[in-house]
Amino acid sequence: MFKDRYDAALQLAKKLEKYRNNGGIILAIPRGGVPIGYVVAKELKFPLEIILSKKIGHPLNPEFAIGSVSLQGAMINDNVMDVSLDYIQRESEQIHKKLKEKFSLYMGNRKSTDLKNKTVIIVDDGIATGSTILATVDSIKKSKPKEIIIAVPVSSLFAESKLSKVVDEFICLITPENFMGVGQFYDNFSQVSDEEVIQLLSDANKIKNVA
């Protein structure tokens, strides 16, 4: 059990000590992953940015993902059946537009760092199913990083099993059998606001520039 995201992040940072000062980058998944990323980035002396992706829902069942969209483009699952190309294109364009707006809100005029040959550490406050972060990993691989690490305080066993196969290392503090939701493992799991995300990213950028 963690007191809050900052407590969890400090514990997580200790597990990532071997990556300190190796020229990597922390990519946090908004919004709950940003407080985690802020602390980890500060401890490892890494820059902090956000990574955005969103699934494309099936027209008859929005919860069923038929693909995903990131700022780098769209990826469609191989087993998609009976879904028109018009629907996929329309959804992809709408999602991509929203992701661009969200990125601009959080990052301002700053551009994404080139991830080629970098150690990329993806952080969030926890993982339930892993579907969103899986789409994130797929989009990052296009940039040809040196290695990809997922680091989270808590994860379901299901997500750990799925994600550990697609990254170089999966680091998690606890993977309980009785996983019901990420929030159950935090004493304080209050919602993270857009304003807090913007402030943390701004502060992290100042720290990076000073360093």
N, C-alpha and C. Protein backbone atom coordinates (compact mmCIF):
# COMPACT_ATOMS: atom_id res chain seq x y z
N MET A 1 0.85 -1.20 0.00
CA MET A 1 0.00 0.00 0.00
C MET A 1 0.88 1.25 0.00
N PHE A 2 0.51 2.22 -0.81
CA PHE A 2 1.26 3.46 -0.91
C PHE A 2 0.47 4.61 -0.28
N LYS A 3 1.17 5.57 0.31
CA LYS A 3 0.50 6.73 0.90
C LYS A 3 -0.18 7.55 -0.20
N ASP A 4 0.58 7.82 -1.24
CA ASP A 4 0.08 8.59 -2.39
C ASP A 4 1.04 8.35 -3.56
N ARG A 5 0.83 9.06 -4.65
CA ARG A 5 1.65 8.85 -5.84
C ARG A 5 3.12 9.21 -5.60
N TYR A 6 3.35 10.22 -4.76
CA TYR A 6 4.72 10.64 -4.51
C TYR A 6 5.49 9.61 -3.69
N ASP A 7 4.82 9.00 -2.74
CA ASP A 7 5.41 7.92 -1.98
C ASP A 7 5.74 6.75 -2.91
N ALA A 8 4.81 6.40 -3.77
CA ALA A 8 5.02 5.30 -4.71
C ALA A 8 6.17 5.61 -5.66
N ALA A 9 6.25 6.86 -6.09
CA ALA A 9 7.29 7.24 -7.04
C ALA A 9 8.68 7.16 -6.43
N LEU A 10 8.81 7.55 -5.18
CA LEU A 10 10.11 7.47 -4.51
C LEU A 10 10.57 6.02 -4.39
N GLN A 11 9.63 5.14 -4.07
CA GLN A 11 9.98 3.73 -3.98
C GLN A 11 10.35 3.17 -5.36
N LEU A 12 9.62 3.61 -6.37
CA LEU A 12 9.87 3.14 -7.73
C LEU A 12 11.24 3.62 -8.23
N ALA A 13 11.58 4.86 -7.90
CA ALA A 13 12.85 5.43 -8.35
C ALA A 13 14.04 4.60 -7.85
N LYS A 14 13.93 4.03 -6.65
CA LYS A 14 15.01 3.21 -6.10
C LYS A 14 15.26 1.97 -6.96
N LYS A 15 14.19 1.46 -7.57
CA LYS A 15 14.31 0.28 -8.43
C LYS A 15 14.92 0.63 -9.79
N LEU A 16 15.02 1.93 -10.06
CA LEU A 16 15.52 2.37 -11.37
C LEU A 16 16.89 3.02 -11.27
N GLU A 17 17.55 2.88 -10.15
CA GLU A 17 18.84 3.53 -9.91
C GLU A 17 19.88 3.21 -10.97
N LYS A 18 19.85 2.00 -11.49
CA LYS A 18 20.88 1.60 -12.46
C LYS A 18 20.82 2.42 -13.75
N TYR A 19 19.69 3.11 -13.97
CA TYR A 19 19.56 3.91 -15.19
C TYR A 19 19.95 5.37 -14.98
N ARG A 20 20.33 5.74 -13.77
CA ARG A 20 20.65 7.14 -13.45
C ARG A 20 21.76 7.68 -14.37
N ASN A 21 21.54 8.86 -14.87
CA ASN A 21 22.54 9.59 -15.66
C ASN A 21 22.97 8.89 -16.95
N ASN A 22 22.13 8.02 -17.51
CA ASN A 22 22.55 7.34 -18.73
C ASN A 22 21.95 7.96 -20.00
N GLY A 23 21.42 9.16 -19.86
CA GLY A 23 20.92 9.85 -21.05
C GLY A 23 19.54 9.41 -21.51
N GLY A 24 18.76 8.88 -20.60
CA GLY A 24 17.42 8.42 -20.96
C GLY A 24 16.37 9.50 -20.79
N ILE A 25 15.13 9.08 -20.89
CA ILE A 25 14.01 10.00 -20.77
C ILE A 25 12.84 9.29 -20.11
N ILE A 26 12.08 10.03 -19.31
CA ILE A 26 10.87 9.52 -18.68
C ILE A 26 9.67 9.99 -19.49
N LEU A 27 8.83 9.05 -19.90
CA LEU A 27 7.58 9.39 -20.59
C LEU A 27 6.43 8.99 -19.68
N ALA A 28 5.70 9.97 -19.21
CA ALA A 28 4.60 9.73 -18.28
C ALA A 28 3.26 9.72 -19.00
N ILE A 29 2.38 8.84 -18.57
CA ILE A 29 1.04 8.76 -19.13
C ILE A 29 0.11 9.64 -18.31
N PRO A 30 -0.45 10.70 -18.91
CA PRO A 30 -1.34 11.58 -18.15
C PRO A 30 -2.66 10.88 -17.81
N ARG A 31 -3.32 11.31 -16.69
CA ARG A 31 -2.74 12.34 -15.86
C ARG A 31 -2.03 11.75 -14.64
N GLY A 32 -2.50 10.61 -14.19
CA GLY A 32 -1.96 10.04 -12.96
C GLY A 32 -0.50 9.65 -13.01
N GLY A 33 0.02 9.42 -14.21
CA GLY A 33 1.42 9.03 -14.31
C GLY A 33 2.39 10.19 -14.19
N VAL A 34 1.90 11.42 -14.32
CA VAL A 34 2.80 12.57 -14.32
C VAL A 34 3.43 12.83 -12.95
N PRO A 35 2.68 12.79 -11.83
CA PRO A 35 3.35 12.92 -10.53
C PRO A 35 4.40 11.83 -10.30
N ILE A 36 4.11 10.61 -10.77
CA ILE A 36 5.09 9.53 -10.68
C ILE A 36 6.32 9.88 -11.51
N GLY A 37 6.08 10.29 -12.74
CA GLY A 37 7.18 10.63 -13.64
C GLY A 37 8.02 11.79 -13.15
N TYR A 38 7.38 12.77 -12.53
CA TYR A 38 8.10 13.94 -12.03
C TYR A 38 9.15 13.54 -11.00
N VAL A 39 8.74 12.72 -10.04
CA VAL A 39 9.65 12.29 -8.98
C VAL A 39 10.76 11.41 -9.54
N VAL A 40 10.38 10.45 -10.37
CA VAL A 40 11.37 9.52 -10.94
C VAL A 40 12.38 10.29 -11.80
N ALA A 41 11.89 11.22 -12.62
CA ALA A 41 12.78 12.01 -13.47
C ALA A 41 13.75 12.84 -12.63
N LYS A 42 13.25 13.40 -11.55
CA LYS A 42 14.09 14.21 -10.67
C LYS A 42 15.17 13.36 -10.02
N GLU A 43 14.79 12.17 -9.57
CA GLU A 43 15.74 11.28 -8.90
C GLU A 43 16.80 10.74 -9.86
N LEU A 44 16.40 10.44 -11.09
CA LEU A 44 17.33 9.86 -12.06
C LEU A 44 18.04 10.93 -12.89
N LYS A 45 17.60 12.18 -12.72
CA LYS A 45 18.14 13.30 -13.51
C LYS A 45 17.86 13.09 -15.01
N PHE A 46 16.64 12.72 -15.29
CA PHE A 46 16.15 12.53 -16.65
C PHE A 46 15.19 13.66 -17.00
N PRO A 47 15.08 13.99 -18.28
CA PRO A 47 13.99 14.88 -18.70
C PRO A 47 12.65 14.16 -18.60
N LEU A 48 11.59 14.92 -18.44
CA LEU A 48 10.24 14.37 -18.33
C LEU A 48 9.36 14.91 -19.43
N GLU A 49 8.68 14.01 -20.13
CA GLU A 49 7.68 14.39 -21.12
C GLU A 49 6.47 13.48 -20.95
N ILE A 50 5.44 13.74 -21.72
CA ILE A 50 4.25 12.90 -21.69
C ILE A 50 4.19 12.07 -22.96
N ILE A 51 3.46 10.99 -22.90
CA ILE A 51 3.19 10.16 -24.08
C ILE A 51 1.69 9.93 -24.14
N LEU A 52 1.12 10.15 -25.29
CA LEU A 52 -0.33 10.06 -25.44
C LEU A 52 -0.72 9.02 -26.48
N SER A 53 -1.71 8.24 -26.16
CA SER A 53 -2.30 7.31 -27.13
C SER A 53 -3.72 7.01 -26.68
N LYS A 54 -4.53 6.57 -27.61
CA LYS A 54 -5.93 6.25 -27.30
C LYS A 54 -6.41 5.15 -28.24
N LYS A 55 -7.20 4.27 -27.69
CA LYS A 55 -7.69 3.16 -28.52
C LYS A 55 -8.79 3.64 -29.48
N ILE A 56 -8.94 2.90 -30.57
CA ILE A 56 -10.07 3.09 -31.48
C ILE A 56 -11.09 2.02 -31.12
N GLY A 57 -12.26 2.45 -30.70
CA GLY A 57 -13.29 1.50 -30.30
C GLY A 57 -14.07 0.96 -31.48
N HIS A 58 -14.54 -0.27 -31.35
CA HIS A 58 -15.38 -0.87 -32.40
C HIS A 58 -16.70 -0.10 -32.48
N PRO A 59 -17.23 0.13 -33.67
CA PRO A 59 -18.48 0.91 -33.80
C PRO A 59 -19.66 0.32 -33.05
N LEU A 60 -19.70 -0.99 -32.84
CA LEU A 60 -20.80 -1.62 -32.12
C LEU A 60 -20.49 -1.84 -30.64
N ASN A 61 -19.22 -1.68 -30.27
CA ASN A 61 -18.80 -1.86 -28.87
C ASN A 61 -17.56 -1.01 -28.62
N PRO A 62 -17.75 0.24 -28.18
CA PRO A 62 -16.63 1.17 -28.01
C PRO A 62 -15.54 0.68 -27.06
N GLU A 63 -15.89 -0.24 -26.16
CA GLU A 63 -14.90 -0.74 -25.21
C GLU A 63 -13.94 -1.74 -25.86
N PHE A 64 -14.34 -2.29 -27.00
CA PHE A 64 -13.51 -3.26 -27.70
C PHE A 64 -12.57 -2.52 -28.66
N ALA A 65 -11.28 -2.62 -28.43
CA ALA A 65 -10.31 -1.89 -29.23
C ALA A 65 -10.03 -2.60 -30.55
N ILE A 66 -10.12 -1.86 -31.63
CA ILE A 66 -9.76 -2.41 -32.94
C ILE A 66 -8.45 -1.81 -33.44
N GLY A 67 -7.89 -0.93 -32.64
CA GLY A 67 -6.63 -0.30 -33.00
C GLY A 67 -6.32 0.81 -32.01
N SER A 68 -5.32 1.60 -32.32
CA SER A 68 -4.94 2.69 -31.44
C SER A 68 -4.34 3.83 -32.25
N VAL A 69 -4.38 5.01 -31.65
CA VAL A 69 -3.84 6.20 -32.30
C VAL A 69 -2.87 6.88 -31.34
N SER A 70 -1.74 7.27 -31.85
CA SER A 70 -0.78 8.07 -31.10
C SER A 70 -0.48 9.30 -31.93
N LEU A 71 0.36 10.18 -31.41
CA LEU A 71 0.74 11.35 -32.19
C LEU A 71 1.56 10.97 -33.41
N GLN A 72 2.12 9.75 -33.39
CA GLN A 72 2.93 9.28 -34.51
C GLN A 72 2.09 8.63 -35.61
N GLY A 73 0.82 8.34 -35.32
CA GLY A 73 -0.03 7.72 -36.33
C GLY A 73 -0.95 6.68 -35.74
N ALA A 74 -1.59 5.91 -36.60
CA ALA A 74 -2.57 4.91 -36.16
C ALA A 74 -2.06 3.50 -36.43
N MET A 75 -2.47 2.58 -35.56
CA MET A 75 -2.18 1.16 -35.76
C MET A 75 -3.49 0.40 -35.64
N ILE A 76 -3.79 -0.42 -36.63
CA ILE A 76 -5.04 -1.18 -36.65
C ILE A 76 -4.73 -2.65 -36.40
N ASN A 77 -5.52 -3.27 -35.54
CA ASN A 77 -5.32 -4.68 -35.23
C ASN A 77 -5.53 -5.55 -36.47
N ASP A 78 -4.79 -6.64 -36.53
CA ASP A 78 -4.86 -7.52 -37.70
C ASP A 78 -6.21 -8.24 -37.82
N ASN A 79 -6.86 -8.46 -36.69
CA ASN A 79 -8.07 -9.28 -36.69
C ASN A 79 -9.36 -8.47 -36.80
N VAL A 80 -9.26 -7.23 -37.28
CA VAL A 80 -10.46 -6.40 -37.41
C VAL A 80 -11.33 -6.93 -38.55
N MET A 81 -12.60 -7.15 -38.23
CA MET A 81 -13.54 -7.66 -39.25
C MET A 81 -14.78 -6.76 -39.30
N ASP A 82 -15.32 -6.61 -40.48
CA ASP A 82 -16.59 -5.92 -40.67
C ASP A 82 -16.58 -4.47 -40.15
N VAL A 83 -15.45 -3.81 -40.25
CA VAL A 83 -15.38 -2.39 -39.89
C VAL A 83 -14.90 -1.64 -41.12
N SER A 84 -15.66 -0.63 -41.51
CA SER A 84 -15.34 0.08 -42.74
C SER A 84 -14.09 0.93 -42.59
N LEU A 85 -13.40 1.10 -43.71
CA LEU A 85 -12.21 1.95 -43.72
C LEU A 85 -12.58 3.40 -43.43
N ASP A 86 -13.77 3.81 -43.88
CA ASP A 86 -14.24 5.17 -43.61
C ASP A 86 -14.35 5.43 -42.12
N TYR A 87 -14.90 4.45 -41.39
CA TYR A 87 -15.04 4.59 -39.93
C TYR A 87 -13.67 4.69 -39.29
N ILE A 88 -12.76 3.81 -39.68
CA ILE A 88 -11.42 3.80 -39.09
C ILE A 88 -10.70 5.12 -39.35
N GLN A 89 -10.80 5.60 -40.58
CA GLN A 89 -10.14 6.86 -40.93
C GLN A 89 -10.74 8.03 -40.16
N ARG A 90 -12.06 8.06 -40.08
CA ARG A 90 -12.74 9.16 -39.38
C ARG A 90 -12.39 9.18 -37.89
N GLU A 91 -12.45 7.99 -37.27
CA GLU A 91 -12.12 7.89 -35.85
C GLU A 91 -10.66 8.25 -35.59
N SER A 92 -9.79 7.77 -36.45
CA SER A 92 -8.36 8.03 -36.30
C SER A 92 -8.07 9.52 -36.37
N GLU A 93 -8.69 10.19 -37.30
CA GLU A 93 -8.46 11.63 -37.47
C GLU A 93 -8.99 12.41 -36.28
N GLN A 94 -10.16 12.03 -35.77
CA GLN A 94 -10.74 12.73 -34.63
C GLN A 94 -9.89 12.53 -33.38
N ILE A 95 -9.45 11.29 -33.16
CA ILE A 95 -8.63 10.99 -31.99
C ILE A 95 -7.29 11.70 -32.08
N HIS A 96 -6.69 11.67 -33.26
CA HIS A 96 -5.39 12.33 -33.45
C HIS A 96 -5.49 13.83 -33.18
N LYS A 97 -6.57 14.44 -33.62
CA LYS A 97 -6.78 15.87 -33.36
C LYS A 97 -6.87 16.15 -31.87
N LYS A 98 -7.60 15.31 -31.14
CA LYS A 98 -7.75 15.49 -29.69
C LYS A 98 -6.42 15.27 -28.96
N LEU A 99 -5.63 14.31 -29.44
CA LEU A 99 -4.33 14.06 -28.81
C LEU A 99 -3.40 15.25 -29.02
N LYS A 100 -3.44 15.84 -30.21
CA LYS A 100 -2.61 17.01 -30.48
C LYS A 100 -3.01 18.18 -29.58
N GLU A 101 -4.32 18.35 -29.37
CA GLU A 101 -4.80 19.42 -28.49
C GLU A 101 -4.36 19.18 -27.06
N LYS A 102 -4.43 17.91 -26.63
CA LYS A 102 -4.03 17.58 -25.26
C LYS A 102 -2.53 17.77 -25.07
N PHE A 103 -1.75 17.37 -26.07
CA PHE A 103 -0.30 17.55 -25.99
C PHE A 103 0.05 19.04 -25.89
N SER A 104 -0.61 19.85 -26.69
CA SER A 104 -0.37 21.29 -26.67
C SER A 104 -0.76 21.89 -25.32
N LEU A 105 -1.85 21.41 -24.74
CA LEU A 105 -2.29 21.88 -23.43
C LEU A 105 -1.23 21.61 -22.38
N TYR A 106 -0.69 20.40 -22.39
CA TYR A 106 0.27 19.99 -21.36
C TYR A 106 1.69 20.49 -21.62
N MET A 107 2.11 20.46 -22.87
CA MET A 107 3.51 20.74 -23.18
C MET A 107 3.76 22.12 -23.77
N GLY A 108 2.69 22.84 -24.08
CA GLY A 108 2.87 24.16 -24.67
C GLY A 108 3.51 24.08 -26.04
N ASN A 109 4.53 24.89 -26.26
CA ASN A 109 5.21 24.91 -27.56
C ASN A 109 6.38 23.92 -27.65
N ARG A 110 6.62 23.19 -26.56
CA ARG A 110 7.73 22.24 -26.57
C ARG A 110 7.44 21.06 -27.50
N LYS A 111 8.46 20.61 -28.17
CA LYS A 111 8.34 19.49 -29.09
C LYS A 111 8.78 18.20 -28.41
N SER A 112 8.29 17.09 -28.92
CA SER A 112 8.70 15.79 -28.39
C SER A 112 10.17 15.54 -28.70
N THR A 113 10.86 14.94 -27.75
CA THR A 113 12.26 14.59 -27.93
C THR A 113 12.40 13.41 -28.90
N ASP A 114 13.42 13.44 -29.71
CA ASP A 114 13.71 12.31 -30.59
C ASP A 114 14.16 11.14 -29.71
N LEU A 115 13.48 10.02 -29.80
CA LEU A 115 13.74 8.89 -28.91
C LEU A 115 14.75 7.90 -29.49
N LYS A 116 15.25 8.15 -30.67
CA LYS A 116 16.16 7.21 -31.30
C LYS A 116 17.39 6.96 -30.43
N ASN A 117 17.69 5.68 -30.18
CA ASN A 117 18.85 5.24 -29.40
C ASN A 117 18.83 5.69 -27.94
N LYS A 118 17.67 6.07 -27.44
CA LYS A 118 17.55 6.47 -26.04
C LYS A 118 16.94 5.37 -25.18
N THR A 119 17.28 5.39 -23.91
CA THR A 119 16.59 4.56 -22.93
C THR A 119 15.29 5.26 -22.58
N VAL A 120 14.17 4.62 -22.88
CA VAL A 120 12.86 5.21 -22.65
C VAL A 120 12.18 4.47 -21.50
N ILE A 121 11.83 5.22 -20.47
CA ILE A 121 11.13 4.63 -19.33
C ILE A 121 9.71 5.19 -19.28
N ILE A 122 8.74 4.31 -19.51
CA ILE A 122 7.33 4.69 -19.49
C ILE A 122 6.81 4.49 -18.07
N VAL A 123 6.18 5.51 -17.52
CA VAL A 123 5.66 5.40 -16.16
C VAL A 123 4.18 5.75 -16.10
N ASP A 124 3.50 5.11 -15.16
CA ASP A 124 2.12 5.43 -14.85
C ASP A 124 1.92 5.11 -13.37
N ASP A 125 0.75 5.46 -12.82
CA ASP A 125 0.52 5.19 -11.40
C ASP A 125 0.06 3.76 -11.15
N GLY A 126 -0.21 3.03 -12.23
CA GLY A 126 -0.61 1.63 -12.11
C GLY A 126 -1.19 1.14 -13.43
N ILE A 127 -1.27 -0.17 -13.57
CA ILE A 127 -1.79 -0.75 -14.81
C ILE A 127 -2.83 -1.81 -14.48
N ALA A 128 -3.99 -1.67 -15.08
CA ALA A 128 -5.06 -2.65 -14.88
C ALA A 128 -5.05 -3.69 -16.00
N THR A 129 -5.42 -3.29 -17.21
CA THR A 129 -5.48 -4.24 -18.33
C THR A 129 -4.25 -4.17 -19.22
N GLY A 130 -3.61 -3.00 -19.30
CA GLY A 130 -2.43 -2.84 -20.12
C GLY A 130 -2.71 -2.43 -21.55
N SER A 131 -3.97 -2.29 -21.93
CA SER A 131 -4.30 -1.99 -23.33
C SER A 131 -3.76 -0.63 -23.78
N THR A 132 -3.93 0.39 -22.95
CA THR A 132 -3.47 1.73 -23.31
C THR A 132 -1.96 1.79 -23.41
N ILE A 133 -1.28 1.22 -22.44
CA ILE A 133 0.18 1.28 -22.44
C ILE A 133 0.77 0.41 -23.54
N LEU A 134 0.04 -0.63 -23.95
CA LEU A 134 0.50 -1.46 -25.06
C LEU A 134 0.53 -0.64 -26.34
N ALA A 135 -0.50 0.18 -26.54
CA ALA A 135 -0.53 1.06 -27.70
C ALA A 135 0.60 2.08 -27.62
N THR A 136 0.91 2.52 -26.42
CA THR A 136 2.01 3.46 -26.22
C THR A 136 3.34 2.85 -26.62
N VAL A 137 3.57 1.61 -26.21
CA VAL A 137 4.81 0.91 -26.55
C VAL A 137 4.94 0.76 -28.06
N ASP A 138 3.84 0.40 -28.71
CA ASP A 138 3.86 0.24 -30.17
C ASP A 138 4.27 1.53 -30.87
N SER A 139 3.76 2.65 -30.38
CA SER A 139 4.08 3.93 -31.01
C SER A 139 5.54 4.32 -30.77
N ILE A 140 6.05 4.02 -29.59
CA ILE A 140 7.44 4.36 -29.26
C ILE A 140 8.42 3.55 -30.10
N LYS A 141 8.10 2.31 -30.35
CA LYS A 141 9.01 1.44 -31.12
C LYS A 141 9.30 2.00 -32.51
N LYS A 142 8.38 2.79 -33.04
CA LYS A 142 8.60 3.38 -34.35
C LYS A 142 9.80 4.33 -34.35
N SER A 143 10.12 4.87 -33.17
CA SER A 143 11.22 5.84 -33.06
C SER A 143 12.57 5.17 -32.87
N LYS A 144 12.60 3.84 -32.78
CA LYS A 144 13.83 3.06 -32.67
C LYS A 144 14.67 3.45 -31.45
N PRO A 145 14.09 3.38 -30.25
CA PRO A 145 14.87 3.67 -29.04
C PRO A 145 15.88 2.57 -28.75
N LYS A 146 16.82 2.86 -27.89
CA LYS A 146 17.81 1.85 -27.48
C LYS A 146 17.13 0.74 -26.71
N GLU A 147 16.24 1.11 -25.79
CA GLU A 147 15.51 0.14 -24.98
C GLU A 147 14.27 0.80 -24.41
N ILE A 148 13.27 -0.02 -24.11
CA ILE A 148 12.02 0.48 -23.52
C ILE A 148 11.79 -0.24 -22.21
N ILE A 149 11.56 0.55 -21.16
CA ILE A 149 11.27 0.00 -19.83
C ILE A 149 9.92 0.53 -19.39
N ILE A 150 9.08 -0.33 -18.88
CA ILE A 150 7.84 0.09 -18.22
C ILE A 150 8.08 0.02 -16.73
N ALA A 151 7.77 1.10 -16.01
CA ALA A 151 7.98 1.14 -14.57
C ALA A 151 6.73 1.70 -13.89
N VAL A 152 6.12 0.89 -13.04
CA VAL A 152 4.90 1.30 -12.35
C VAL A 152 4.92 0.78 -10.90
N PRO A 153 4.20 1.45 -10.01
CA PRO A 153 4.13 0.97 -8.63
C PRO A 153 3.33 -0.33 -8.49
N VAL A 154 2.24 -0.44 -9.26
CA VAL A 154 1.36 -1.60 -9.11
C VAL A 154 0.78 -2.01 -10.46
N SER A 155 0.60 -3.32 -10.63
CA SER A 155 0.04 -3.84 -11.87
C SER A 155 -0.70 -5.13 -11.60
N SER A 156 -1.69 -5.39 -12.41
CA SER A 156 -2.34 -6.70 -12.37
C SER A 156 -1.38 -7.74 -12.93
N LEU A 157 -1.54 -8.97 -12.51
CA LEU A 157 -0.72 -10.05 -13.04
C LEU A 157 -0.96 -10.23 -14.54
N PHE A 158 -2.20 -10.03 -14.95
CA PHE A 158 -2.55 -10.14 -16.37
C PHE A 158 -1.76 -9.15 -17.21
N ALA A 159 -1.74 -7.88 -16.75
CA ALA A 159 -1.03 -6.85 -17.50
C ALA A 159 0.47 -7.10 -17.50
N GLU A 160 1.00 -7.52 -16.37
CA GLU A 160 2.43 -7.80 -16.28
C GLU A 160 2.82 -8.89 -17.28
N SER A 161 2.03 -9.95 -17.34
CA SER A 161 2.31 -11.05 -18.25
C SER A 161 2.30 -10.59 -19.70
N LYS A 162 1.34 -9.73 -20.04
CA LYS A 162 1.20 -9.25 -21.41
C LYS A 162 2.30 -8.27 -21.79
N LEU A 163 2.60 -7.32 -20.90
CA LEU A 163 3.51 -6.24 -21.24
C LEU A 163 4.98 -6.62 -21.13
N SER A 164 5.30 -7.53 -20.24
CA SER A 164 6.70 -7.93 -20.07
C SER A 164 7.26 -8.59 -21.33
N LYS A 165 6.37 -9.03 -22.21
CA LYS A 165 6.80 -9.69 -23.44
C LYS A 165 7.14 -8.69 -24.56
N VAL A 166 6.73 -7.44 -24.40
CA VAL A 166 6.90 -6.48 -25.49
C VAL A 166 7.90 -5.37 -25.18
N VAL A 167 8.50 -5.39 -23.97
CA VAL A 167 9.49 -4.38 -23.60
C VAL A 167 10.76 -5.07 -23.12
N ASP A 168 11.82 -4.28 -22.97
CA ASP A 168 13.10 -4.83 -22.52
C ASP A 168 13.08 -5.16 -21.03
N GLU A 169 12.34 -4.38 -20.27
CA GLU A 169 12.23 -4.66 -18.84
C GLU A 169 10.90 -4.12 -18.31
N PHE A 170 10.28 -4.90 -17.45
CA PHE A 170 9.03 -4.50 -16.79
C PHE A 170 9.31 -4.45 -15.29
N ILE A 171 9.24 -3.24 -14.72
CA ILE A 171 9.55 -3.05 -13.30
C ILE A 171 8.29 -2.65 -12.56
N CYS A 172 7.92 -3.42 -11.56
CA CYS A 172 6.70 -3.16 -10.80
C CYS A 172 6.95 -3.52 -9.34
N LEU A 173 6.50 -2.65 -8.44
CA LEU A 173 6.72 -2.88 -7.01
C LEU A 173 5.84 -3.98 -6.45
N ILE A 174 4.58 -4.00 -6.86
CA ILE A 174 3.67 -5.04 -6.38
C ILE A 174 2.74 -5.50 -7.50
N THR A 175 2.54 -6.82 -7.57
CA THR A 175 1.59 -7.40 -8.53
C THR A 175 0.68 -8.34 -7.75
N PRO A 176 -0.30 -7.79 -7.06
CA PRO A 176 -1.17 -8.59 -6.19
C PRO A 176 -2.11 -9.50 -6.96
N GLU A 177 -2.44 -10.63 -6.37
CA GLU A 177 -3.39 -11.56 -6.99
C GLU A 177 -4.81 -11.03 -6.92
N ASN A 178 -5.12 -10.27 -5.87
CA ASN A 178 -6.49 -9.77 -5.68
C ASN A 178 -6.64 -8.35 -6.23
N PHE A 179 -6.13 -8.14 -7.44
CA PHE A 179 -6.18 -6.81 -8.06
C PHE A 179 -7.60 -6.48 -8.50
N MET A 180 -8.14 -5.38 -7.96
CA MET A 180 -9.47 -4.92 -8.34
C MET A 180 -9.41 -3.58 -9.08
N GLY A 181 -8.36 -2.83 -8.82
CA GLY A 181 -8.20 -1.52 -9.44
C GLY A 181 -6.98 -0.84 -8.85
N VAL A 182 -6.39 0.07 -9.61
CA VAL A 182 -5.17 0.74 -9.17
C VAL A 182 -5.38 1.49 -7.85
N GLY A 183 -6.51 2.17 -7.73
CA GLY A 183 -6.77 3.01 -6.57
C GLY A 183 -6.79 2.29 -5.24
N GLN A 184 -7.05 0.99 -5.24
CA GLN A 184 -7.14 0.26 -3.98
C GLN A 184 -5.80 0.14 -3.26
N PHE A 185 -4.71 0.46 -3.97
CA PHE A 185 -3.38 0.31 -3.38
C PHE A 185 -2.77 1.65 -2.96
N TYR A 186 -3.61 2.69 -2.95
CA TYR A 186 -3.19 4.01 -2.51
C TYR A 186 -4.11 4.50 -1.40
N ASP A 187 -3.52 5.03 -0.32
CA ASP A 187 -4.33 5.67 0.72
C ASP A 187 -4.97 6.94 0.15
N ASN A 188 -4.21 7.67 -0.63
CA ASN A 188 -4.70 8.88 -1.28
C ASN A 188 -4.54 8.71 -2.78
N PHE A 189 -5.66 8.57 -3.47
CA PHE A 189 -5.64 8.40 -4.94
C PHE A 189 -6.52 9.46 -5.57
N SER A 190 -6.34 10.70 -5.09
CA SER A 190 -7.15 11.80 -5.59
C SER A 190 -6.83 12.08 -7.06
N GLN A 191 -7.81 12.60 -7.77
CA GLN A 191 -7.65 12.86 -9.19
C GLN A 191 -6.59 13.91 -9.44
N VAL A 192 -5.79 13.72 -10.46
CA VAL A 192 -4.77 14.68 -10.85
C VAL A 192 -5.39 15.63 -11.88
N SER A 193 -5.29 16.91 -11.64
CA SER A 193 -5.91 17.90 -12.53
C SER A 193 -4.98 18.24 -13.70
N ASP A 194 -5.57 18.81 -14.75
CA ASP A 194 -4.76 19.30 -15.87
C ASP A 194 -3.77 20.34 -15.39
N GLU A 195 -4.21 21.20 -14.47
CA GLU A 195 -3.34 22.26 -13.95
C GLU A 195 -2.11 21.68 -13.25
N GLU A 196 -2.30 20.60 -12.50
CA GLU A 196 -1.18 19.97 -11.81
C GLU A 196 -0.21 19.35 -12.82
N VAL A 197 -0.75 18.72 -13.85
CA VAL A 197 0.09 18.13 -14.89
C VAL A 197 0.94 19.21 -15.55
N ILE A 198 0.33 20.32 -15.92
CA ILE A 198 1.04 21.42 -16.57
C ILE A 198 2.14 21.96 -15.67
N GLN A 199 1.83 22.13 -14.38
CA GLN A 199 2.81 22.67 -13.44
C GLN A 199 3.99 21.73 -13.24
N LEU A 200 3.71 20.44 -13.10
CA LEU A 200 4.78 19.46 -12.90
C LEU A 200 5.69 19.37 -14.12
N LEU A 201 5.11 19.39 -15.30
CA LEU A 201 5.91 19.35 -16.53
C LEU A 201 6.76 20.61 -16.66
N SER A 202 6.20 21.74 -16.29
CA SER A 202 6.93 23.01 -16.35
C SER A 202 8.09 22.98 -15.35
N ASP A 203 7.82 22.53 -14.13
CA ASP A 203 8.87 22.46 -13.10
C ASP A 203 9.97 21.50 -13.50
N ALA A 204 9.59 20.36 -14.07
CA ALA A 204 10.57 19.36 -14.49
C ALA A 204 11.46 19.92 -15.59
N ASN A 205 10.88 20.70 -16.48
CA ASN A 205 11.64 21.30 -17.57
C ASN A 205 12.64 22.32 -17.05
N LYS A 206 12.24 23.05 -16.00
CA LYS A 206 13.14 24.03 -15.39
C LYS A 206 14.32 23.32 -14.74
N ILE A 207 14.01 22.19 -14.03
CA ILE A 207 15.06 21.42 -13.38
C ILE A 207 16.05 20.90 -14.41
N LYS A 208 15.52 20.42 -15.54
CA LYS A 208 16.37 19.89 -16.61
C LYS A 208 17.28 20.98 -17.16
N ASN A 209 16.72 22.19 -17.34
CA ASN A 209 17.50 23.27 -17.92
C ASN A 209 18.60 23.74 -16.98
N VAL A 210 18.27 23.76 -15.69
CA VAL A 210 19.26 24.16 -14.69
C VAL A 210 20.40 23.16 -14.63
N ALA A 211 20.00 21.85 -14.71
CA ALA A 211 21.00 20.78 -14.65
C ALA A 211 21.92 20.85 -15.86
